C-alpha atoms as a PDB file:
ATOM      1  CA  UNK A   1     184.594 171.382  72.417  1.00  0.00           C
ATOM      2  CA  UNK A   2     182.014 173.435  74.302  1.00  0.00           C
ATOM      3  CA  UNK A   3     184.488 174.096  77.125  1.00  0.00           C
ATOM      4  CA  UNK A   4     187.111 175.461  74.747  1.00  0.00           C
ATOM      5  CA  UNK A   5     184.635 177.877  73.160  1.00  0.00           C
ATOM      6  CA  UNK A   6     183.512 179.169  76.556  1.00  0.00           C
ATOM      7  CA  UNK A   7     187.134 179.449  77.672  1.00  0.00           C
ATOM      8  CA  UNK A   8     188.055 181.344  74.503  1.00  0.00           C
ATOM      9  CA  UNK A   9     185.216 183.819  74.967  1.00  0.00           C
ATOM     10  CA  UNK A  10     186.155 184.405  78.611  1.00  0.00           C
ATOM     11  CA  UNK A  11     189.808 184.847  77.671  1.00  0.00           C
ATOM     12  CA  UNK A  12     189.009 187.445  74.998  1.00  0.00           C
ATOM     13  CA  UNK A  13     186.717 189.249  77.428  1.00  0.00           C
ATOM     14  CA  UNK A  14     189.425 189.289  80.102  1.00  0.00           C
ATOM     15  CA  UNK A  15     192.042 190.665  77.703  1.00  0.00           C
ATOM     16  CA  UNK A  16     189.612 193.334  76.537  1.00  0.00           C
ATOM     17  CA  UNK A  17     188.883 194.485  80.068  1.00  0.00           C
ATOM     18  CA  UNK A  18     192.552 194.429  81.062  1.00  0.00           C
ATOM     19  CA  UNK A  19     193.560 196.487  78.031  1.00  0.00           C
ATOM     20  CA  UNK A  20     190.940 199.149  78.844  1.00  0.00           C
ATOM     21  CA  UNK A  21     192.360 199.562  82.345  1.00  0.00           C
ATOM     22  CA  UNK A  22     195.953 199.666  81.126  1.00  0.00           C
ATOM     23  CA  UNK A  23     195.209 202.314  78.495  1.00  0.00           C
ATOM     24  CA  UNK A  24     193.632 204.486  81.179  1.00  0.00           C
ATOM     25  CA  UNK A  25     196.695 204.111  83.363  1.00  0.00           C
ATOM     26  CA  UNK A  26     199.010 205.010  80.505  1.00  0.00           C
ATOM     27  CA  UNK A  27     197.189 208.216  79.708  1.00  0.00           C
ATOM     28  CA  UNK A  28     197.194 209.213  83.374  1.00  0.00           C
ATOM     29  CA  UNK A  29     200.928 208.560  83.640  1.00  0.00           C
ATOM     30  CA  UNK A  30     201.553 210.519  80.455  1.00  0.00           C
ATOM     31  CA  UNK A  31     199.469 213.476  81.648  1.00  0.00           C
ATOM     32  CA  UNK A  32     201.290 213.645  84.978  1.00  0.00           C
ATOM     33  CA  UNK A  33     204.754 213.387  83.489  1.00  0.00           C
ATOM     34  CA  UNK A  34     204.137 215.746  80.557  1.00  0.00           C
ATOM     35  CA  UNK A  35     202.734 218.402  82.879  1.00  0.00           C
ATOM     36  CA  UNK A  36     206.225 218.744  84.309  1.00  0.00           C
ATOM     37  CA  UNK A  37     207.679 222.129  83.390  1.00  0.00           C
ATOM     38  CA  UNK A  38     211.235 220.865  82.871  1.00  0.00           C
ATOM     39  CA  UNK A  39     210.206 218.832  79.796  1.00  0.00           C
ATOM     40  CA  UNK A  40     211.705 215.549  80.981  1.00  0.00           C
ATOM     41  CA  UNK A  41     208.602 213.516  80.150  1.00  0.00           C
ATOM     42  CA  UNK A  42     208.071 214.299  76.490  1.00  0.00           C
ATOM     43  CA  UNK A  43     208.856 210.730  75.348  1.00  0.00           C
ATOM     44  CA  UNK A  44     207.064 208.892  78.141  1.00  0.00           C
ATOM     45  CA  UNK A  45     204.114 207.863  75.959  1.00  0.00           C
ATOM     46  CA  UNK A  46     206.387 206.001  73.535  1.00  0.00           C
ATOM     47  CA  UNK A  47     208.022 204.199  76.445  1.00  0.00           C
ATOM     48  CA  UNK A  48     204.681 203.140  77.889  1.00  0.00           C
ATOM     49  CA  UNK A  49     203.464 201.829  74.533  1.00  0.00           C
ATOM     50  CA  UNK A  50     206.788 200.015  74.056  1.00  0.00           C
ATOM     51  CA  UNK A  51     206.455 198.289  77.428  1.00  0.00           C
ATOM     52  CA  UNK A  52     202.810 197.376  76.796  1.00  0.00           C
ATOM     53  CA  UNK A  53     203.383 195.925  73.333  1.00  0.00           C
ATOM     54  CA  UNK A  54     205.726 193.085  74.261  1.00  0.00           C
ATOM     55  CA  UNK A  55     203.389 191.067  76.530  1.00  0.00           C
ATOM     56  CA  UNK A  56     200.629 191.225  73.914  1.00  0.00           C
ATOM     57  CA  UNK A  57     203.041 190.241  71.143  1.00  0.00           C
ATOM     58  CA  UNK A  58     204.348 187.335  73.233  1.00  0.00           C
ATOM     59  CA  UNK A  59     200.840 186.034  73.922  1.00  0.00           C
ATOM     60  CA  UNK A  60     199.930 186.370  70.237  1.00  0.00           C
ATOM     61  CA  UNK A  61     203.035 184.468  69.123  1.00  0.00           C
ATOM     62  CA  UNK A  62     202.383 181.691  71.647  1.00  0.00           C
ATOM     63  CA  UNK A  63     198.722 181.454  70.599  1.00  0.00           C
ATOM     64  CA  UNK A  64     199.564 181.231  66.900  1.00  0.00           C
ATOM     65  CA  UNK A  65     202.210 178.592  67.598  1.00  0.00           C
ATOM     66  CA  UNK A  66     199.803 176.559  69.719  1.00  0.00           C
ATOM     67  CA  UNK A  67     197.036 176.753  67.113  1.00  0.00           C
ATOM     68  CA  UNK A  68     199.464 175.747  64.371  1.00  0.00           C
ATOM     69  CA  UNK A  69     200.699 172.782  66.421  1.00  0.00           C
ATOM     70  CA  UNK A  70     197.174 171.648  67.296  1.00  0.00           C
ATOM     71  CA  UNK A  71     196.028 171.824  63.661  1.00  0.00           C
ATOM     72  CA  UNK A  72     199.112 169.971  62.461  1.00  0.00           C
ATOM     73  CA  UNK A  73     198.599 167.195  65.024  1.00  0.00           C
ATOM     74  CA  UNK A  74     194.898 166.827  64.222  1.00  0.00           C
ATOM     75  CA  UNK A  75     195.481 166.314  60.475  1.00  0.00           C
ATOM     76  CA  UNK A  76     197.814 163.380  61.110  1.00  0.00           C
ATOM     77  CA  UNK A  77     195.171 161.377  62.980  1.00  0.00           C
END
């Protein structure tokens, strides 16, 4: 029980730190592309957010499914 709480805290901390770095990268990419005079990069921010959202959504879906399965199995015993 104690291991799972420590692991959960470390996992949340890791995701928080990773998301801070990825947001910084996205804003740098957006600034570089939108500074282009030809106007080709006006929708780059939406594309970056679109690409970033799917891994987080996948992890959230897997976590909810795992928690649901673990709770269902523990009530049977």
